Amino acid sequence: MPRSIRVDAVLVQAVIAGALSFAHLHDLAEAAGQTGWKAWAYPISVDLLLVAAWRRLRTARRDRSAWTWFVIALVASLGANIATAGLLDLKHVPAWLCIVVAGWPALAFLGGTLLVHAPAEPAAPAQVADEPAAPEVDVHRTDEPPPTPAPIPVPELTPAPTPTPAAAPAVPAALLDHARKIADAHRASTGSPMPADALSARLQLPAPMTDAIAAQLQLT
């Protein structure tokens, strides 16, 4: 089944505008002395230069030469449209216009050649993915003396407190008299003072109490 053709209003308008511009260029070239097939070739030359400049602008918008030739072709097309609108007597064309029309083929050939063989713009550099940064290396100069290490703080030593001798316990008088009697009985029977450990074993008292009694009785 044949594919249906979709009619676009913009396309129809472009065809009409192109046909009218083509006719105006043909009439102007014919009035300037270009008859026969030469009058039909002029509109094609102008439109082809306009299309070539436009194609160049699509790929290189910053190309000044492309803008220059685009403006030249546009002025040629618009000038023919305006001139054939009744502002110019096509039966008595001025001499300068005949010179311009006669020299147009060489100008159009030069513009088309420059547009076709113009160098293309360099491609944008591809974005390089972020690479991990190399680890920083700490470089030390060999001619510098090594840094002096900071002194280590030494905590102040506090002398340990001297233990205070415990006070001798108070000995009751009755217990002291009882211990003296035992010591005297030992001296009377043996003829020598009673040892302190013997007194401690006899009395069965804590060591501090026994020592206090032995110190008062002067026992060894």
N, C-alpha and C. Protein backbone atom coordinates (compact mmCIF):
# COMPACT_ATOMS: atom_id res chain seq x y z
N MET A 1 0.87 -1.20 0.00
CA MET A 1 0.00 0.00 0.00
C MET A 1 0.89 1.23 0.00
N PRO A 2 0.71 2.17 -0.92
CA PRO A 2 1.58 3.34 -0.97
C PRO A 2 1.43 4.20 0.28
N ARG A 3 2.58 4.75 0.71
CA ARG A 3 2.57 5.58 1.91
C ARG A 3 1.92 6.93 1.59
N SER A 4 1.07 7.39 2.49
CA SER A 4 0.37 8.66 2.27
C SER A 4 1.34 9.82 2.43
N ILE A 5 1.17 10.84 1.59
CA ILE A 5 2.04 12.02 1.62
C ILE A 5 1.37 13.06 2.52
N ARG A 6 2.12 13.49 3.51
CA ARG A 6 1.59 14.49 4.43
C ARG A 6 1.95 15.88 3.92
N VAL A 7 0.97 16.71 3.73
CA VAL A 7 1.17 18.05 3.22
C VAL A 7 1.45 18.98 4.40
N ASP A 8 2.60 19.62 4.36
CA ASP A 8 3.00 20.55 5.42
C ASP A 8 2.84 21.97 4.91
N ALA A 9 2.20 22.83 5.72
CA ALA A 9 1.98 24.21 5.30
C ALA A 9 3.29 24.95 5.10
N VAL A 10 4.27 24.67 5.95
CA VAL A 10 5.57 25.34 5.81
C VAL A 10 6.25 24.91 4.52
N LEU A 11 6.14 23.63 4.16
CA LEU A 11 6.74 23.14 2.91
C LEU A 11 6.09 23.79 1.69
N VAL A 12 4.76 23.92 1.72
CA VAL A 12 4.05 24.57 0.60
C VAL A 12 4.48 26.03 0.48
N GLN A 13 4.59 26.69 1.61
CA GLN A 13 5.01 28.09 1.59
C GLN A 13 6.44 28.23 1.07
N ALA A 14 7.32 27.28 1.44
CA ALA A 14 8.70 27.34 0.94
C ALA A 14 8.75 27.13 -0.56
N VAL A 15 7.92 26.24 -1.09
CA VAL A 15 7.89 26.00 -2.54
C VAL A 15 7.42 27.25 -3.27
N ILE A 16 6.37 27.89 -2.74
CA ILE A 16 5.85 29.10 -3.39
C ILE A 16 6.89 30.22 -3.36
N ALA A 17 7.52 30.42 -2.19
CA ALA A 17 8.52 31.49 -2.08
C ALA A 17 9.71 31.21 -3.00
N GLY A 18 10.13 29.94 -3.08
CA GLY A 18 11.25 29.61 -3.97
C GLY A 18 10.91 29.84 -5.44
N ALA A 19 9.69 29.49 -5.81
CA ALA A 19 9.28 29.69 -7.21
C ALA A 19 9.22 31.16 -7.58
N LEU A 20 8.68 31.98 -6.68
CA LEU A 20 8.61 33.41 -6.96
C LEU A 20 9.99 34.05 -7.02
N SER A 21 10.87 33.67 -6.06
CA SER A 21 12.23 34.22 -6.08
C SER A 21 12.97 33.78 -7.34
N PHE A 22 12.76 32.52 -7.74
CA PHE A 22 13.38 32.02 -8.97
C PHE A 22 12.93 32.84 -10.17
N ALA A 23 11.63 33.13 -10.23
CA ALA A 23 11.08 33.90 -11.37
C ALA A 23 11.63 35.32 -11.38
N HIS A 24 11.76 35.94 -10.21
CA HIS A 24 12.27 37.31 -10.15
C HIS A 24 13.72 37.37 -10.59
N LEU A 25 14.54 36.40 -10.16
CA LEU A 25 15.93 36.37 -10.58
C LEU A 25 16.05 36.15 -12.09
N HIS A 26 15.19 35.29 -12.61
CA HIS A 26 15.20 35.04 -14.06
C HIS A 26 14.86 36.31 -14.83
N ASP A 27 13.84 37.02 -14.38
CA ASP A 27 13.42 38.25 -15.08
C ASP A 27 14.51 39.32 -15.01
N LEU A 28 15.19 39.41 -13.84
CA LEU A 28 16.23 40.43 -13.71
C LEU A 28 17.44 40.08 -14.59
N ALA A 29 17.81 38.80 -14.61
CA ALA A 29 18.95 38.40 -15.46
C ALA A 29 18.63 38.60 -16.94
N GLU A 30 17.40 38.31 -17.32
CA GLU A 30 17.00 38.50 -18.73
C GLU A 30 16.98 39.97 -19.10
N ALA A 31 16.53 40.83 -18.16
CA ALA A 31 16.51 42.27 -18.44
C ALA A 31 17.92 42.83 -18.52
N ALA A 32 18.91 42.15 -17.83
CA ALA A 32 20.30 42.63 -17.85
C ALA A 32 21.06 42.10 -19.04
N GLY A 33 20.40 41.44 -19.98
CA GLY A 33 21.04 41.00 -21.20
C GLY A 33 21.39 39.54 -21.25
N GLN A 34 21.01 38.74 -20.21
CA GLN A 34 21.29 37.32 -20.20
C GLN A 34 20.04 36.59 -20.69
N THR A 35 20.07 36.13 -21.94
CA THR A 35 18.89 35.51 -22.55
C THR A 35 19.07 34.00 -22.65
N GLY A 36 17.96 33.32 -22.94
CA GLY A 36 18.00 31.89 -23.14
C GLY A 36 18.28 31.14 -21.84
N TRP A 37 19.08 30.08 -21.95
CA TRP A 37 19.35 29.23 -20.78
C TRP A 37 20.15 29.97 -19.70
N LYS A 38 20.88 31.04 -20.12
CA LYS A 38 21.68 31.79 -19.14
C LYS A 38 20.79 32.49 -18.12
N ALA A 39 19.63 32.97 -18.55
CA ALA A 39 18.72 33.62 -17.60
C ALA A 39 18.16 32.62 -16.59
N TRP A 40 18.01 31.35 -17.02
CA TRP A 40 17.52 30.32 -16.10
C TRP A 40 18.63 29.82 -15.15
N ALA A 41 19.87 29.95 -15.55
CA ALA A 41 20.97 29.47 -14.71
C ALA A 41 21.26 30.41 -13.53
N TYR A 42 20.94 31.70 -13.68
CA TYR A 42 21.24 32.66 -12.62
C TYR A 42 20.47 32.36 -11.32
N PRO A 43 19.18 32.11 -11.36
CA PRO A 43 18.48 31.78 -10.10
C PRO A 43 19.04 30.53 -9.42
N ILE A 44 19.42 29.54 -10.24
CA ILE A 44 19.99 28.33 -9.66
C ILE A 44 21.33 28.64 -8.97
N SER A 45 22.15 29.49 -9.58
CA SER A 45 23.44 29.85 -9.00
C SER A 45 23.27 30.58 -7.67
N VAL A 46 22.32 31.50 -7.62
CA VAL A 46 22.10 32.26 -6.37
C VAL A 46 21.58 31.34 -5.27
N ASP A 47 20.61 30.50 -5.60
CA ASP A 47 20.03 29.62 -4.58
C ASP A 47 21.03 28.58 -4.08
N LEU A 48 21.87 28.07 -4.99
CA LEU A 48 22.87 27.08 -4.57
C LEU A 48 23.90 27.70 -3.64
N LEU A 49 24.31 28.94 -3.90
CA LEU A 49 25.24 29.61 -2.99
C LEU A 49 24.60 29.87 -1.64
N LEU A 50 23.32 30.21 -1.64
CA LEU A 50 22.62 30.44 -0.39
C LEU A 50 22.52 29.14 0.43
N VAL A 51 22.22 28.03 -0.24
CA VAL A 51 22.12 26.74 0.44
C VAL A 51 23.49 26.29 0.96
N ALA A 52 24.56 26.47 0.16
CA ALA A 52 25.90 26.07 0.59
C ALA A 52 26.35 26.86 1.82
N ALA A 53 26.06 28.17 1.83
CA ALA A 53 26.44 28.98 2.99
C ALA A 53 25.65 28.56 4.22
N TRP A 54 24.37 28.22 4.04
CA TRP A 54 23.54 27.80 5.17
C TRP A 54 24.02 26.46 5.74
N ARG A 55 24.39 25.54 4.88
CA ARG A 55 24.91 24.25 5.35
C ARG A 55 26.22 24.44 6.12
N ARG A 56 27.04 25.37 5.64
CA ARG A 56 28.29 25.64 6.35
C ARG A 56 28.03 26.25 7.72
N LEU A 57 27.03 27.11 7.82
CA LEU A 57 26.72 27.74 9.10
C LEU A 57 26.19 26.73 10.11
N ARG A 58 25.54 25.67 9.63
CA ARG A 58 25.01 24.66 10.55
C ARG A 58 26.12 23.88 11.24
N THR A 59 27.27 23.74 10.60
CA THR A 59 28.39 23.00 11.18
C THR A 59 29.44 23.92 11.78
N ALA A 60 29.48 25.17 11.35
CA ALA A 60 30.48 26.12 11.86
C ALA A 60 29.84 27.49 11.98
N ARG A 61 29.18 27.72 13.11
CA ARG A 61 28.45 28.97 13.28
C ARG A 61 29.37 30.17 13.46
N ARG A 62 30.62 29.94 13.84
CA ARG A 62 31.55 31.04 14.04
C ARG A 62 32.39 31.33 12.80
N ASP A 63 32.09 30.68 11.68
CA ASP A 63 32.85 30.90 10.45
C ASP A 63 32.38 32.22 9.82
N ARG A 64 33.25 33.22 9.82
CA ARG A 64 32.87 34.53 9.27
C ARG A 64 32.69 34.47 7.77
N SER A 65 33.50 33.65 7.10
CA SER A 65 33.37 33.56 5.64
C SER A 65 32.01 32.99 5.25
N ALA A 66 31.51 32.01 6.02
CA ALA A 66 30.19 31.46 5.72
C ALA A 66 29.11 32.52 5.88
N TRP A 67 29.22 33.35 6.94
CA TRP A 67 28.25 34.44 7.11
C TRP A 67 28.36 35.46 5.95
N THR A 68 29.58 35.71 5.50
CA THR A 68 29.76 36.68 4.42
C THR A 68 29.08 36.22 3.13
N TRP A 69 29.32 34.97 2.75
CA TRP A 69 28.70 34.46 1.51
C TRP A 69 27.20 34.26 1.68
N PHE A 70 26.74 33.98 2.86
CA PHE A 70 25.30 33.87 3.09
C PHE A 70 24.62 35.23 2.88
N VAL A 71 25.25 36.29 3.39
CA VAL A 71 24.69 37.63 3.24
C VAL A 71 24.72 38.05 1.77
N ILE A 72 25.81 37.72 1.05
CA ILE A 72 25.90 38.08 -0.37
C ILE A 72 24.79 37.41 -1.18
N ALA A 73 24.59 36.10 -0.97
CA ALA A 73 23.53 35.39 -1.70
C ALA A 73 22.15 35.91 -1.31
N LEU A 74 21.97 36.24 -0.02
CA LEU A 74 20.67 36.75 0.42
C LEU A 74 20.39 38.12 -0.19
N VAL A 75 21.41 38.98 -0.26
CA VAL A 75 21.22 40.30 -0.88
C VAL A 75 20.90 40.17 -2.36
N ALA A 76 21.54 39.20 -3.03
CA ALA A 76 21.26 39.00 -4.46
C ALA A 76 19.82 38.55 -4.67
N SER A 77 19.34 37.65 -3.78
CA SER A 77 17.97 37.16 -3.93
C SER A 77 16.96 38.25 -3.58
N LEU A 78 17.17 38.91 -2.45
CA LEU A 78 16.23 39.98 -2.06
C LEU A 78 16.29 41.16 -3.02
N GLY A 79 17.48 41.47 -3.53
CA GLY A 79 17.59 42.58 -4.48
C GLY A 79 16.80 42.33 -5.75
N ALA A 80 16.83 41.08 -6.24
CA ALA A 80 16.05 40.77 -7.44
C ALA A 80 14.57 40.86 -7.16
N ASN A 81 14.14 40.41 -5.99
CA ASN A 81 12.71 40.48 -5.64
C ASN A 81 12.24 41.93 -5.55
N ILE A 82 13.07 42.78 -4.94
CA ILE A 82 12.69 44.18 -4.78
C ILE A 82 12.74 44.93 -6.12
N ALA A 83 13.78 44.60 -6.91
CA ALA A 83 13.93 45.31 -8.19
C ALA A 83 12.80 45.03 -9.16
N THR A 84 12.26 43.83 -9.14
CA THR A 84 11.18 43.46 -10.06
C THR A 84 9.81 43.82 -9.51
N ALA A 85 9.78 44.52 -8.38
CA ALA A 85 8.49 44.90 -7.79
C ALA A 85 8.00 46.24 -8.34
N GLY A 86 8.64 46.76 -9.38
CA GLY A 86 8.23 48.03 -9.97
C GLY A 86 9.17 49.16 -9.67
N LEU A 87 10.22 48.94 -8.83
CA LEU A 87 11.17 50.00 -8.52
C LEU A 87 12.21 50.18 -9.62
N LEU A 88 12.34 49.19 -10.50
CA LEU A 88 13.35 49.25 -11.57
C LEU A 88 12.67 49.03 -12.91
N ASP A 89 13.01 49.86 -13.88
CA ASP A 89 12.49 49.73 -15.23
C ASP A 89 13.28 48.64 -15.93
N LEU A 90 12.66 47.47 -16.08
CA LEU A 90 13.36 46.33 -16.66
C LEU A 90 13.70 46.53 -18.13
N LYS A 91 13.09 47.54 -18.79
CA LYS A 91 13.39 47.80 -20.20
C LYS A 91 14.62 48.70 -20.35
N HIS A 92 14.96 49.39 -19.28
CA HIS A 92 16.13 50.27 -19.30
C HIS A 92 16.95 50.00 -18.02
N VAL A 93 17.68 48.90 -18.03
CA VAL A 93 18.47 48.50 -16.86
C VAL A 93 19.76 49.31 -16.86
N PRO A 94 20.18 49.86 -15.70
CA PRO A 94 21.43 50.62 -15.65
C PRO A 94 22.63 49.74 -15.97
N ALA A 95 23.70 50.39 -16.37
CA ALA A 95 24.90 49.66 -16.80
C ALA A 95 25.55 48.92 -15.64
N TRP A 96 25.55 49.51 -14.46
CA TRP A 96 26.21 48.86 -13.32
C TRP A 96 25.53 47.55 -12.96
N LEU A 97 24.18 47.48 -13.14
CA LEU A 97 23.48 46.24 -12.86
C LEU A 97 23.84 45.16 -13.87
N CYS A 98 24.01 45.58 -15.12
CA CYS A 98 24.43 44.59 -16.12
C CYS A 98 25.82 44.04 -15.80
N ILE A 99 26.70 44.90 -15.27
CA ILE A 99 28.04 44.44 -14.89
C ILE A 99 27.97 43.46 -13.73
N VAL A 100 27.11 43.78 -12.74
CA VAL A 100 26.97 42.89 -11.58
C VAL A 100 26.42 41.53 -12.00
N VAL A 101 25.41 41.51 -12.84
CA VAL A 101 24.82 40.24 -13.28
C VAL A 101 25.82 39.45 -14.10
N ALA A 102 26.61 40.13 -14.94
CA ALA A 102 27.59 39.42 -15.76
C ALA A 102 28.73 38.85 -14.91
N GLY A 103 29.08 39.54 -13.84
CA GLY A 103 30.17 39.06 -12.99
C GLY A 103 29.74 38.10 -11.90
N TRP A 104 28.45 37.87 -11.77
CA TRP A 104 27.95 36.99 -10.71
C TRP A 104 28.45 35.55 -10.82
N PRO A 105 28.51 34.92 -11.99
CA PRO A 105 28.97 33.52 -12.04
C PRO A 105 30.34 33.31 -11.42
N ALA A 106 31.28 34.21 -11.71
CA ALA A 106 32.62 34.07 -11.13
C ALA A 106 32.58 34.25 -9.61
N LEU A 107 31.79 35.21 -9.14
CA LEU A 107 31.68 35.43 -7.69
C LEU A 107 31.04 34.24 -7.00
N ALA A 108 29.98 33.66 -7.61
CA ALA A 108 29.32 32.51 -7.01
C ALA A 108 30.23 31.28 -7.00
N PHE A 109 31.04 31.11 -8.06
CA PHE A 109 31.96 29.98 -8.10
C PHE A 109 33.02 30.11 -7.02
N LEU A 110 33.53 31.33 -6.82
CA LEU A 110 34.53 31.54 -5.78
C LEU A 110 33.96 31.27 -4.39
N GLY A 111 32.75 31.77 -4.14
CA GLY A 111 32.13 31.54 -2.83
C GLY A 111 31.85 30.08 -2.56
N GLY A 112 31.31 29.37 -3.58
CA GLY A 112 31.02 27.95 -3.39
C GLY A 112 32.28 27.14 -3.15
N THR A 113 33.37 27.47 -3.86
CA THR A 113 34.62 26.74 -3.67
C THR A 113 35.18 26.96 -2.27
N LEU A 114 35.15 28.19 -1.80
CA LEU A 114 35.66 28.47 -0.45
C LEU A 114 34.82 27.79 0.63
N LEU A 115 33.52 27.73 0.42
CA LEU A 115 32.66 27.10 1.43
C LEU A 115 32.86 25.59 1.48
N VAL A 116 33.05 24.98 0.33
CA VAL A 116 33.20 23.52 0.28
C VAL A 116 34.54 23.09 0.83
N HIS A 117 35.60 23.84 0.51
CA HIS A 117 36.95 23.43 0.89
C HIS A 117 37.44 24.13 2.16
N ALA A 118 36.56 24.78 2.88
CA ALA A 118 36.98 25.41 4.14
C ALA A 118 37.28 24.33 5.17
N PRO A 119 38.32 24.49 6.00
CA PRO A 119 38.64 23.47 7.03
C PRO A 119 37.54 23.40 8.07
N ALA A 120 37.28 22.17 8.50
CA ALA A 120 36.25 21.96 9.52
C ALA A 120 36.76 22.40 10.87
N GLU A 121 35.82 22.76 11.73
CA GLU A 121 36.19 23.16 13.09
C GLU A 121 36.72 21.96 13.85
N PRO A 122 37.74 22.15 14.68
CA PRO A 122 38.24 21.01 15.48
C PRO A 122 37.18 20.51 16.43
N ALA A 123 37.14 19.21 16.54
CA ALA A 123 36.15 18.60 17.46
C ALA A 123 36.47 18.96 18.88
N ALA A 124 35.42 19.09 19.65
CA ALA A 124 35.60 19.41 21.07
C ALA A 124 36.30 18.27 21.76
N PRO A 125 37.26 18.57 22.61
CA PRO A 125 37.98 17.48 23.30
C PRO A 125 37.04 16.70 24.18
N ALA A 126 37.21 15.39 24.12
CA ALA A 126 36.36 14.52 24.94
C ALA A 126 36.66 14.75 26.42
N GLN A 127 35.61 14.71 27.17
CA GLN A 127 35.77 14.90 28.61
C GLN A 127 36.41 13.67 29.21
N VAL A 128 37.51 13.89 29.86
CA VAL A 128 38.24 12.81 30.50
C VAL A 128 37.66 12.58 31.88
N ALA A 129 37.38 11.30 32.16
CA ALA A 129 36.83 10.97 33.47
C ALA A 129 37.82 11.36 34.55
N ASP A 130 37.27 11.77 35.68
CA ASP A 130 38.12 12.17 36.79
C ASP A 130 38.93 10.97 37.27
N GLU A 131 40.25 11.14 37.18
CA GLU A 131 41.12 10.08 37.65
C GLU A 131 41.45 10.33 39.11
N PRO A 132 41.64 9.25 39.85
CA PRO A 132 42.00 9.45 41.27
C PRO A 132 43.34 10.14 41.38
N ALA A 133 43.38 11.12 42.22
CA ALA A 133 44.61 11.89 42.38
C ALA A 133 45.70 11.00 42.96
N ALA A 134 46.91 11.21 42.45
CA ALA A 134 48.04 10.43 42.94
C ALA A 134 48.32 10.81 44.39
N PRO A 135 48.67 9.83 45.19
CA PRO A 135 48.93 10.14 46.60
C PRO A 135 50.11 11.07 46.73
N GLU A 136 49.98 12.02 47.61
CA GLU A 136 51.05 12.98 47.81
C GLU A 136 52.20 12.32 48.56
N VAL A 137 53.40 12.57 48.07
CA VAL A 137 54.61 12.00 48.67
C VAL A 137 55.30 13.10 49.43
N ASP A 138 55.53 12.84 50.69
CA ASP A 138 56.19 13.81 51.54
C ASP A 138 57.69 13.70 51.31
N VAL A 139 58.27 14.70 50.64
CA VAL A 139 59.69 14.68 50.29
C VAL A 139 60.44 15.52 51.29
N HIS A 140 61.46 14.93 51.88
CA HIS A 140 62.30 15.63 52.84
C HIS A 140 63.65 15.93 52.20
N ARG A 141 64.15 17.08 52.45
CA ARG A 141 65.46 17.45 51.95
C ARG A 141 66.53 16.80 52.80
N THR A 142 67.55 16.28 52.09
CA THR A 142 68.62 15.57 52.80
C THR A 142 69.62 16.53 53.42
N ASP A 143 69.65 17.79 52.92
CA ASP A 143 70.64 18.71 53.45
C ASP A 143 70.16 19.43 54.69
N GLU A 144 68.95 19.19 55.11
CA GLU A 144 68.43 19.81 56.31
C GLU A 144 68.58 18.88 57.49
N PRO A 145 68.92 19.40 58.67
CA PRO A 145 69.06 18.51 59.85
C PRO A 145 67.70 17.96 60.24
N PRO A 146 67.72 16.75 60.76
CA PRO A 146 66.45 16.16 61.18
C PRO A 146 65.82 16.98 62.30
N PRO A 147 64.53 17.05 62.30
CA PRO A 147 63.88 17.83 63.35
C PRO A 147 64.13 17.25 64.73
N THR A 148 64.35 18.13 65.68
CA THR A 148 64.59 17.72 67.06
C THR A 148 63.28 17.29 67.69
N PRO A 149 63.24 16.07 68.21
CA PRO A 149 61.98 15.63 68.83
C PRO A 149 61.65 16.45 70.06
N ALA A 150 60.42 16.69 70.24
CA ALA A 150 59.98 17.46 71.40
C ALA A 150 60.22 16.67 72.67
N PRO A 151 60.67 17.34 73.73
CA PRO A 151 60.93 16.61 74.99
C PRO A 151 59.64 16.03 75.56
N ILE A 152 59.79 14.84 76.07
CA ILE A 152 58.64 14.15 76.67
C ILE A 152 58.46 14.66 78.10
N PRO A 153 57.32 15.20 78.39
CA PRO A 153 57.14 15.70 79.77
C PRO A 153 57.21 14.57 80.78
N VAL A 154 58.01 14.79 81.80
CA VAL A 154 58.17 13.80 82.88
C VAL A 154 57.34 14.24 84.06
N PRO A 155 56.45 13.41 84.51
CA PRO A 155 55.64 13.82 85.67
C PRO A 155 56.49 13.92 86.94
N GLU A 156 56.19 14.92 87.72
CA GLU A 156 56.92 15.13 88.97
C GLU A 156 56.57 14.01 89.96
N LEU A 157 57.66 13.48 90.52
CA LEU A 157 57.49 12.39 91.49
C LEU A 157 57.29 12.97 92.87
N THR A 158 56.18 12.65 93.42
CA THR A 158 55.88 13.10 94.79
C THR A 158 56.33 12.03 95.77
N PRO A 159 57.19 12.40 96.73
CA PRO A 159 57.64 11.37 97.70
C PRO A 159 56.48 10.80 98.48
N ALA A 160 56.57 9.52 98.65
CA ALA A 160 55.50 8.84 99.39
C ALA A 160 55.51 9.32 100.84
N PRO A 161 54.37 9.50 101.37
CA PRO A 161 54.32 9.98 102.76
C PRO A 161 54.91 8.94 103.73
N THR A 162 55.69 9.45 104.62
CA THR A 162 56.31 8.57 105.63
C THR A 162 55.24 8.12 106.62
N PRO A 163 55.12 6.81 106.75
CA PRO A 163 54.09 6.35 107.70
C PRO A 163 54.39 6.82 109.12
N THR A 164 53.39 7.32 109.70
CA THR A 164 53.51 7.82 111.08
C THR A 164 53.38 6.65 112.04
N PRO A 165 54.36 6.50 112.90
CA PRO A 165 54.26 5.36 113.86
C PRO A 165 53.00 5.47 114.70
N ALA A 166 52.38 4.35 114.77
CA ALA A 166 51.13 4.32 115.55
C ALA A 166 51.43 4.57 117.03
N ALA A 167 50.58 5.29 117.58
CA ALA A 167 50.75 5.59 119.02
C ALA A 167 50.60 4.32 119.87
N ALA A 168 51.42 4.21 120.87
CA ALA A 168 51.35 3.02 121.76
C ALA A 168 50.03 3.01 122.51
N PRO A 169 49.39 1.85 122.51
CA PRO A 169 48.10 1.79 123.23
C PRO A 169 48.29 2.00 124.73
N ALA A 170 47.27 2.59 125.28
CA ALA A 170 47.32 2.80 126.75
C ALA A 170 47.15 1.47 127.49
N VAL A 171 48.01 1.23 128.46
CA VAL A 171 47.96 -0.03 129.22
C VAL A 171 47.26 0.23 130.56
N PRO A 172 46.21 -0.49 130.83
CA PRO A 172 45.56 -0.31 132.14
C PRO A 172 46.53 -0.62 133.30
N ALA A 173 46.35 0.10 134.38
CA ALA A 173 47.25 -0.07 135.53
C ALA A 173 47.18 -1.49 136.12
N ALA A 174 45.97 -2.06 136.14
CA ALA A 174 45.83 -3.42 136.71
C ALA A 174 46.55 -4.43 135.86
N LEU A 175 46.47 -4.24 134.48
CA LEU A 175 47.15 -5.18 133.59
C LEU A 175 48.66 -5.01 133.70
N LEU A 176 49.08 -3.73 133.89
CA LEU A 176 50.52 -3.51 134.05
C LEU A 176 51.04 -4.13 135.35
N ASP A 177 50.27 -4.04 136.42
CA ASP A 177 50.69 -4.66 137.70
C ASP A 177 50.73 -6.18 137.57
N HIS A 178 49.78 -6.74 136.86
CA HIS A 178 49.75 -8.20 136.70
C HIS A 178 50.98 -8.67 135.90
N ALA A 179 51.31 -7.89 134.86
CA ALA A 179 52.48 -8.27 134.05
C ALA A 179 53.76 -8.10 134.84
N ARG A 180 53.83 -7.07 135.74
CA ARG A 180 55.03 -6.87 136.54
C ARG A 180 55.21 -8.04 137.53
N LYS A 181 54.12 -8.50 138.05
CA LYS A 181 54.21 -9.63 139.00
C LYS A 181 54.74 -10.87 138.28
N ILE A 182 54.26 -11.10 137.06
CA ILE A 182 54.73 -12.28 136.32
C ILE A 182 56.21 -12.15 136.02
N ALA A 183 56.62 -10.89 135.60
CA ALA A 183 58.04 -10.68 135.29
C ALA A 183 58.90 -10.83 136.53
N ASP A 184 58.43 -10.34 137.69
CA ASP A 184 59.21 -10.47 138.93
C ASP A 184 59.32 -11.94 139.37
N ALA A 185 58.25 -12.67 139.19
CA ALA A 185 58.30 -14.09 139.57
C ALA A 185 59.28 -14.84 138.68
N HIS A 186 59.32 -14.46 137.40
CA HIS A 186 60.27 -15.12 136.50
C HIS A 186 61.70 -14.77 136.87
N ARG A 187 61.95 -13.50 137.28
CA ARG A 187 63.31 -13.10 137.67
C ARG A 187 63.71 -13.83 138.96
N ALA A 188 62.75 -13.98 139.89
CA ALA A 188 63.09 -14.62 141.18
C ALA A 188 63.39 -16.10 141.00
N SER A 189 62.71 -16.73 140.05
CA SER A 189 62.93 -18.17 139.89
C SER A 189 64.11 -18.49 138.99
N THR A 190 64.36 -17.59 138.00
CA THR A 190 65.43 -17.89 137.04
C THR A 190 66.65 -17.02 137.25
N GLY A 191 66.50 -15.90 137.87
CA GLY A 191 67.61 -14.99 138.09
C GLY A 191 67.89 -14.10 136.91
N SER A 192 67.03 -14.11 135.85
CA SER A 192 67.23 -13.26 134.65
C SER A 192 65.88 -12.62 134.29
N PRO A 193 65.98 -11.45 133.56
CA PRO A 193 64.72 -10.80 133.19
C PRO A 193 63.89 -11.69 132.26
N MET A 194 62.62 -11.54 132.32
CA MET A 194 61.72 -12.33 131.49
C MET A 194 61.72 -11.78 130.07
N PRO A 195 61.90 -12.61 129.04
CA PRO A 195 61.86 -12.12 127.66
C PRO A 195 60.46 -11.60 127.30
N ALA A 196 60.45 -10.66 126.34
CA ALA A 196 59.17 -10.04 125.94
C ALA A 196 58.26 -11.07 125.27
N ASP A 197 58.84 -11.99 124.45
CA ASP A 197 57.98 -12.97 123.78
C ASP A 197 57.39 -13.96 124.76
N ALA A 198 58.14 -14.23 125.81
CA ALA A 198 57.60 -15.13 126.85
C ALA A 198 56.45 -14.47 127.58
N LEU A 199 56.59 -13.14 127.83
CA LEU A 199 55.51 -12.41 128.48
C LEU A 199 54.29 -12.35 127.57
N SER A 200 54.52 -12.17 126.26
CA SER A 200 53.41 -12.10 125.32
C SER A 200 52.67 -13.43 125.27
N ALA A 201 53.45 -14.56 125.30
CA ALA A 201 52.80 -15.87 125.28
C ALA A 201 52.04 -16.13 126.56
N ARG A 202 52.56 -15.58 127.66
CA ARG A 202 51.90 -15.80 128.96
C ARG A 202 50.62 -14.99 129.08
N LEU A 203 50.67 -13.76 128.57
CA LEU A 203 49.48 -12.90 128.73
C LEU A 203 48.43 -13.14 127.63
N GLN A 204 48.83 -13.66 126.46
CA GLN A 204 47.88 -13.90 125.35
C GLN A 204 47.18 -12.59 124.94
N LEU A 205 48.01 -11.54 124.77
CA LEU A 205 47.49 -10.24 124.38
C LEU A 205 47.96 -9.90 122.95
N PRO A 206 47.31 -8.94 122.28
CA PRO A 206 47.79 -8.52 120.96
C PRO A 206 49.21 -7.97 121.05
N ALA A 207 49.89 -8.03 119.90
CA ALA A 207 51.29 -7.60 119.86
C ALA A 207 51.47 -6.16 120.28
N PRO A 208 50.64 -5.21 119.85
CA PRO A 208 50.87 -3.83 120.28
C PRO A 208 50.75 -3.67 121.80
N MET A 209 49.79 -4.33 122.36
CA MET A 209 49.61 -4.21 123.81
C MET A 209 50.79 -4.84 124.55
N THR A 210 51.26 -6.02 124.05
CA THR A 210 52.38 -6.68 124.72
C THR A 210 53.65 -5.85 124.61
N ASP A 211 53.86 -5.22 123.40
CA ASP A 211 55.04 -4.38 123.23
C ASP A 211 55.01 -3.18 124.15
N ALA A 212 53.82 -2.61 124.32
CA ALA A 212 53.71 -1.46 125.22
C ALA A 212 54.03 -1.86 126.67
N ILE A 213 53.56 -3.04 127.09
CA ILE A 213 53.85 -3.51 128.48
C ILE A 213 55.34 -3.80 128.64
N ALA A 214 55.93 -4.45 127.57
CA ALA A 214 57.35 -4.79 127.67
C ALA A 214 58.21 -3.52 127.67
N ALA A 215 57.76 -2.48 126.97
CA ALA A 215 58.54 -1.24 126.97
C ALA A 215 58.47 -0.59 128.35
N GLN A 216 57.35 -0.63 128.97
CA GLN A 216 57.26 -0.02 130.30
C GLN A 216 58.00 -0.83 131.36
N LEU A 217 58.03 -2.14 131.20
CA LEU A 217 58.74 -2.99 132.17
C LEU A 217 60.21 -3.14 131.78
N GLN A 218 60.60 -2.56 130.60
CA GLN A 218 61.99 -2.64 130.16
C GLN A 218 62.43 -4.06 130.00
N LEU A 219 61.59 -4.82 129.26
CA LEU A 219 61.94 -6.20 128.98
C LEU A 219 62.51 -6.28 127.59
N THR A 220 63.39 -7.20 127.31
CA THR A 220 63.97 -7.39 125.99
C THR A 220 63.20 -8.43 125.21
